[in-house]
């Protein structure tokens, strides 16, 4: 039994480190994809208009969720690396509550992105090739954010198991 308890912290630290790297990378790529989502659309009268992600409130919320999630992931990644170097346990309570909060923020950001994209696609009836590129980028960004949420949710579970082992 002692071997299992001594192996568990090392394996949970490794899993946490890998998941934090993944969450950071996924949210960063999601940020880049969303921030570059712009399209020029032409109507039936051949008038051109530039459509950007920031023209829609739900995408702005998604951007805010991505930025907050990326910053939190970077902070926790730095803390995890510092703890690995120093051999300390770190801020387990911050990780416990922070991972739970961030998983909700990331999940709602992804849901907002998926929701507004579905609604826009339905309203514009597909909207042609240009709009399809806009929708595909929006779906890609929301999908990456959803994957970052899954990583953060798994981190939340790991931190829930790590917290009770902390010595008083």
C-alpha atoms as a PDB file:
ATOM      1  CA  UNK A   1       0.000   0.000   0.000  1.00  0.00           C
ATOM      2  CA  UNK A   2       2.887   2.394   0.695  1.00  0.00           C
ATOM      3  CA  UNK A   3       4.196   1.873  -2.826  1.00  0.00           C
ATOM      4  CA  UNK A   4       0.884   2.926  -4.343  1.00  0.00           C
ATOM      5  CA  UNK A   5       0.660   6.109  -2.262  1.00  0.00           C
ATOM      6  CA  UNK A   6       4.259   7.068  -3.051  1.00  0.00           C
ATOM      7  CA  UNK A   7       3.754   6.471  -6.788  1.00  0.00           C
ATOM      8  CA  UNK A   8       0.463   8.323  -6.954  1.00  0.00           C
ATOM      9  CA  UNK A   9       1.836  11.848  -6.313  1.00  0.00           C
ATOM     10  CA  UNK A  10       4.507  11.448  -8.994  1.00  0.00           C
ATOM     11  CA  UNK A  11       2.028  10.115 -11.528  1.00  0.00           C
ATOM     12  CA  UNK A  12      -0.521  12.799 -10.687  1.00  0.00           C
ATOM     13  CA  UNK A  13       2.164  15.478 -11.023  1.00  0.00           C
ATOM     14  CA  UNK A  14       3.167  14.120 -14.413  1.00  0.00           C
ATOM     15  CA  UNK A  15      -0.436  13.909 -15.565  1.00  0.00           C
ATOM     16  CA  UNK A  16      -1.106  17.420 -14.266  1.00  0.00           C
ATOM     17  CA  UNK A  17       1.942  18.771 -16.068  1.00  0.00           C
ATOM     18  CA  UNK A  18       0.968  17.153 -19.374  1.00  0.00           C
ATOM     19  CA  UNK A  19      -2.662  18.274 -19.059  1.00  0.00           C
ATOM     20  CA  UNK A  20      -1.598  21.827 -18.210  1.00  0.00           C
ATOM     21  CA  UNK A  21       0.631  21.953 -21.290  1.00  0.00           C
ATOM     22  CA  UNK A  22      -2.226  20.629 -23.408  1.00  0.00           C
ATOM     23  CA  UNK A  23      -4.754  23.076 -21.935  1.00  0.00           C
ATOM     24  CA  UNK A  24      -2.391  25.988 -22.554  1.00  0.00           C
ATOM     25  CA  UNK A  25      -1.548  24.926 -26.106  1.00  0.00           C
ATOM     26  CA  UNK A  26      -5.163  24.241 -27.051  1.00  0.00           C
ATOM     27  CA  UNK A  27      -6.418  27.535 -25.662  1.00  0.00           C
ATOM     28  CA  UNK A  28      -3.583  29.442 -27.329  1.00  0.00           C
ATOM     29  CA  UNK A  29      -4.304  27.888 -30.726  1.00  0.00           C
ATOM     30  CA  UNK A  30      -8.019  28.527 -30.179  1.00  0.00           C
ATOM     31  CA  UNK A  31      -7.193  32.173 -29.502  1.00  0.00           C
ATOM     32  CA  UNK A  32      -5.194  32.493 -32.716  1.00  0.00           C
ATOM     33  CA  UNK A  33      -7.895  30.807 -34.811  1.00  0.00           C
ATOM     34  CA  UNK A  34     -10.658  32.985 -33.371  1.00  0.00           C
ATOM     35  CA  UNK A  35      -8.651  36.211 -33.591  1.00  0.00           C
ATOM     36  CA  UNK A  36      -7.947  35.632 -37.290  1.00  0.00           C
ATOM     37  CA  UNK A  37     -11.555  34.802 -38.145  1.00  0.00           C
ATOM     38  CA  UNK A  38     -12.507  37.483 -40.643  1.00  0.00           C
ATOM     39  CA  UNK A  39     -14.286  37.241 -43.969  1.00  0.00           C
ATOM     40  CA  UNK A  40     -15.343  39.626 -46.713  1.00  0.00           C
ATOM     41  CA  UNK A  41     -18.883  38.890 -47.859  1.00  0.00           C
ATOM     42  CA  UNK A  42     -20.611  40.129 -50.982  1.00  0.00           C
ATOM     43  CA  UNK A  43     -24.371  40.602 -51.111  1.00  0.00           C
ATOM     44  CA  UNK A  44     -26.668  40.308 -54.133  1.00  0.00           C
ATOM     45  CA  UNK A  45     -25.949  43.936 -55.122  1.00  0.00           C
ATOM     46  CA  UNK A  46     -22.194  43.222 -55.125  1.00  0.00           C
ATOM     47  CA  UNK A  47     -21.595  45.319 -52.020  1.00  0.00           C
ATOM     48  CA  UNK A  48     -18.731  44.049 -49.918  1.00  0.00           C
ATOM     49  CA  UNK A  49     -18.677  44.000 -46.149  1.00  0.00           C
ATOM     50  CA  UNK A  50     -16.022  42.785 -43.740  1.00  0.00           C
ATOM     51  CA  UNK A  51     -17.382  40.385 -41.150  1.00  0.00           C
ATOM     52  CA  UNK A  52     -15.235  39.881 -38.047  1.00  0.00           C
ATOM     53  CA  UNK A  53     -15.668  37.685 -35.014  1.00  0.00           C
ATOM     54  CA  UNK A  54     -15.878  40.710 -32.716  1.00  0.00           C
ATOM     55  CA  UNK A  55     -19.077  41.800 -34.471  1.00  0.00           C
ATOM     56  CA  UNK A  56     -20.927  39.204 -32.358  1.00  0.00           C
ATOM     57  CA  UNK A  57     -21.223  39.322 -28.569  1.00  0.00           C
ATOM     58  CA  UNK A  58     -21.016  35.561 -28.145  1.00  0.00           C
ATOM     59  CA  UNK A  59     -17.657  35.474 -29.934  1.00  0.00           C
ATOM     60  CA  UNK A  60     -16.462  38.310 -27.695  1.00  0.00           C
ATOM     61  CA  UNK A  61     -17.437  36.245 -24.664  1.00  0.00           C
ATOM     62  CA  UNK A  62     -15.654  33.270 -26.179  1.00  0.00           C
ATOM     63  CA  UNK A  63     -12.554  35.429 -26.683  1.00  0.00           C
ATOM     64  CA  UNK A  64     -12.679  36.568 -23.058  1.00  0.00           C
ATOM     65  CA  UNK A  65     -12.998  32.957 -21.893  1.00  0.00           C
ATOM     66  CA  UNK A  66     -10.045  31.950 -24.055  1.00  0.00           C
ATOM     67  CA  UNK A  67      -7.848  34.806 -22.814  1.00  0.00           C
ATOM     68  CA  UNK A  68      -8.688  34.096 -19.161  1.00  0.00           C
ATOM     69  CA  UNK A  69      -8.177  30.362 -19.690  1.00  0.00           C
ATOM     70  CA  UNK A  70      -4.860  30.872 -21.457  1.00  0.00           C
ATOM     71  CA  UNK A  71      -3.584  33.188 -18.721  1.00  0.00           C
ATOM     72  CA  UNK A  72      -4.681  30.778 -15.990  1.00  0.00           C
ATOM     73  CA  UNK A  73      -3.120  27.804 -17.789  1.00  0.00           C
ATOM     74  CA  UNK A  74       0.140  29.686 -18.200  1.00  0.00           C
ATOM     75  CA  UNK A  75       0.146  30.692 -14.525  1.00  0.00           C
ATOM     76  CA  UNK A  76      -0.539  27.130 -13.382  1.00  0.00           C
ATOM     77  CA  UNK A  77       2.065  25.774 -15.791  1.00  0.00           C
ATOM     78  CA  UNK A  78       4.690  28.091 -14.290  1.00  0.00           C
ATOM     79  CA  UNK A  79       3.614  27.091 -10.757  1.00  0.00           C
ATOM     80  CA  UNK A  80       3.805  23.393 -11.706  1.00  0.00           C
ATOM     81  CA  UNK A  81       7.304  23.814 -13.139  1.00  0.00           C
ATOM     82  CA  UNK A  82       8.466  25.763 -10.066  1.00  0.00           C
ATOM     83  CA  UNK A  83       7.069  23.062  -7.798  1.00  0.00           C
ATOM     84  CA  UNK A  84       8.769  20.325  -9.805  1.00  0.00           C
ATOM     85  CA  UNK A  85      12.105  22.140  -9.528  1.00  0.00           C
ATOM     86  CA  UNK A  86      11.771  22.947  -5.826  1.00  0.00           C
ATOM     87  CA  UNK A  87      10.113  19.671  -4.866  1.00  0.00           C
ATOM     88  CA  UNK A  88       7.196  21.418  -3.170  1.00  0.00           C
ATOM     89  CA  UNK A  89       3.520  20.634  -3.356  1.00  0.00           C
ATOM     90  CA  UNK A  90       2.429  24.044  -4.556  1.00  0.00           C
ATOM     91  CA  UNK A  91      -0.825  25.858  -4.055  1.00  0.00           C
ATOM     92  CA  UNK A  92      -3.195  22.910  -3.922  1.00  0.00           C
ATOM     93  CA  UNK A  93      -6.219  24.896  -2.778  1.00  0.00           C
ATOM     94  CA  UNK A  94      -5.745  27.416  -5.616  1.00  0.00           C
ATOM     95  CA  UNK A  95      -5.451  24.561  -8.078  1.00  0.00           C
ATOM     96  CA  UNK A  96      -8.526  22.863  -6.630  1.00  0.00           C
ATOM     97  CA  UNK A  97     -10.821  25.886  -6.859  1.00  0.00           C
ATOM     98  CA  UNK A  98      -9.121  27.472  -9.856  1.00  0.00           C
ATOM     99  CA  UNK A  99      -9.405  24.356 -12.009  1.00  0.00           C
ATOM    100  CA  UNK A 100     -13.082  24.030 -11.169  1.00  0.00           C
ATOM    101  CA  UNK A 101     -13.796  27.682 -11.959  1.00  0.00           C
ATOM    102  CA  UNK A 102     -11.756  27.676 -15.163  1.00  0.00           C
ATOM    103  CA  UNK A 103     -13.417  24.518 -16.428  1.00  0.00           C
ATOM    104  CA  UNK A 104     -16.785  26.291 -16.171  1.00  0.00           C
ATOM    105  CA  UNK A 105     -15.461  29.397 -17.912  1.00  0.00           C
ATOM    106  CA  UNK A 106     -13.972  27.368 -20.761  1.00  0.00           C
ATOM    107  CA  UNK A 107     -17.098  25.228 -21.128  1.00  0.00           C
ATOM    108  CA  UNK A 108     -19.388  28.250 -21.342  1.00  0.00           C
ATOM    109  CA  UNK A 109     -17.042  29.935 -23.821  1.00  0.00           C
ATOM    110  CA  UNK A 110     -17.063  26.880 -26.070  1.00  0.00           C
ATOM    111  CA  UNK A 111     -20.840  26.584 -25.773  1.00  0.00           C
ATOM    112  CA  UNK A 112     -21.278  30.244 -26.710  1.00  0.00           C
ATOM    113  CA  UNK A 113     -19.069  29.749 -29.761  1.00  0.00           C
ATOM    114  CA  UNK A 114     -20.933  26.666 -30.918  1.00  0.00           C
ATOM    115  CA  UNK A 115     -24.320  28.272 -30.247  1.00  0.00           C
ATOM    116  CA  UNK A 116     -23.746  31.505 -32.137  1.00  0.00           C
ATOM    117  CA  UNK A 117     -22.187  29.663 -35.071  1.00  0.00           C
ATOM    118  CA  UNK A 118     -25.185  27.349 -35.391  1.00  0.00           C
ATOM    119  CA  UNK A 119     -27.565  30.304 -35.184  1.00  0.00           C
ATOM    120  CA  UNK A 120     -25.626  32.350 -37.746  1.00  0.00           C
ATOM    121  CA  UNK A 121     -25.445  29.425 -40.130  1.00  0.00           C
ATOM    122  CA  UNK A 122     -29.203  28.881 -39.846  1.00  0.00           C
ATOM    123  CA  UNK A 123     -30.019  32.575 -40.326  1.00  0.00           C
ATOM    124  CA  UNK A 124     -27.774  32.978 -43.374  1.00  0.00           C
ATOM    125  CA  UNK A 125     -28.718  29.587 -44.886  1.00  0.00           C
ATOM    126  CA  UNK A 126     -25.087  28.621 -45.264  1.00  0.00           C
ATOM    127  CA  UNK A 127     -24.109  31.986 -46.736  1.00  0.00           C
ATOM    128  CA  UNK A 128     -21.866  30.754 -49.521  1.00  0.00           C
ATOM    129  CA  UNK A 129     -18.231  29.748 -49.626  1.00  0.00           C
ATOM    130  CA  UNK A 130     -16.898  32.800 -47.787  1.00  0.00           C
ATOM    131  CA  UNK A 131     -19.277  32.348 -44.877  1.00  0.00           C
ATOM    132  CA  UNK A 132     -18.544  28.628 -44.711  1.00  0.00           C
ATOM    133  CA  UNK A 133     -14.877  29.455 -44.117  1.00  0.00           C
ATOM    134  CA  UNK A 134     -15.949  31.809 -41.326  1.00  0.00           C
ATOM    135  CA  UNK A 135     -18.125  29.078 -39.775  1.00  0.00           C
ATOM    136  CA  UNK A 136     -15.388  26.452 -40.076  1.00  0.00           C
ATOM    137  CA  UNK A 137     -12.889  28.666 -38.273  1.00  0.00           C
ATOM    138  CA  UNK A 138     -15.462  29.420 -35.578  1.00  0.00           C
ATOM    139  CA  UNK A 139     -16.204  25.717 -35.140  1.00  0.00           C
ATOM    140  CA  UNK A 140     -12.471  24.936 -35.033  1.00  0.00           C
ATOM    141  CA  UNK A 141     -11.860  27.556 -32.352  1.00  0.00           C
ATOM    142  CA  UNK A 142     -14.810  26.358 -30.272  1.00  0.00           C
ATOM    143  CA  UNK A 143     -13.696  22.735 -30.660  1.00  0.00           C
ATOM    144  CA  UNK A 144     -10.190  23.548 -29.475  1.00  0.00           C
ATOM    145  CA  UNK A 145     -11.667  25.434 -26.538  1.00  0.00           C
ATOM    146  CA  UNK A 146     -13.835  22.416 -25.745  1.00  0.00           C
ATOM    147  CA  UNK A 147     -10.722  20.223 -25.704  1.00  0.00           C
ATOM    148  CA  UNK A 148      -9.025  22.734 -23.383  1.00  0.00           C
ATOM    149  CA  UNK A 149     -12.092  22.478 -21.141  1.00  0.00           C
ATOM    150  CA  UNK A 150     -11.757  18.682 -21.052  1.00  0.00           C
ATOM    151  CA  UNK A 151      -8.102  19.011 -20.009  1.00  0.00           C
ATOM    152  CA  UNK A 152      -9.039  21.489 -17.294  1.00  0.00           C
ATOM    153  CA  UNK A 153     -11.915  19.291 -16.094  1.00  0.00           C
ATOM    154  CA  UNK A 154      -9.499  16.363 -15.808  1.00  0.00           C
ATOM    155  CA  UNK A 155      -7.130  18.623 -13.887  1.00  0.00           C
ATOM    156  CA  UNK A 156     -10.019  19.479 -11.586  1.00  0.00           C
ATOM    157  CA  UNK A 157     -10.534  15.794 -10.844  1.00  0.00           C
ATOM    158  CA  UNK A 158      -6.817  15.257 -10.234  1.00  0.00           C
ATOM    159  CA  UNK A 159      -6.651  18.266  -7.910  1.00  0.00           C
ATOM    160  CA  UNK A 160      -9.683  16.936  -6.021  1.00  0.00           C
ATOM    161  CA  UNK A 161      -7.809  13.706  -5.330  1.00  0.00           C
ATOM    162  CA  UNK A 162      -4.526  15.486  -4.527  1.00  0.00           C
ATOM    163  CA  UNK A 163      -5.987  17.937  -1.998  1.00  0.00           C
ATOM    164  CA  UNK A 164      -6.925  15.391   0.747  1.00  0.00           C
ATOM    165  CA  UNK A 165      -3.378  13.943   0.700  1.00  0.00           C
ATOM    166  CA  UNK A 166      -1.945  17.285   1.722  1.00  0.00           C
ATOM    167  CA  UNK A 167      -0.414  17.218   5.155  1.00  0.00           C
ATOM    168  CA  UNK A 168      -1.961  19.702   7.641  1.00  0.00           C
END
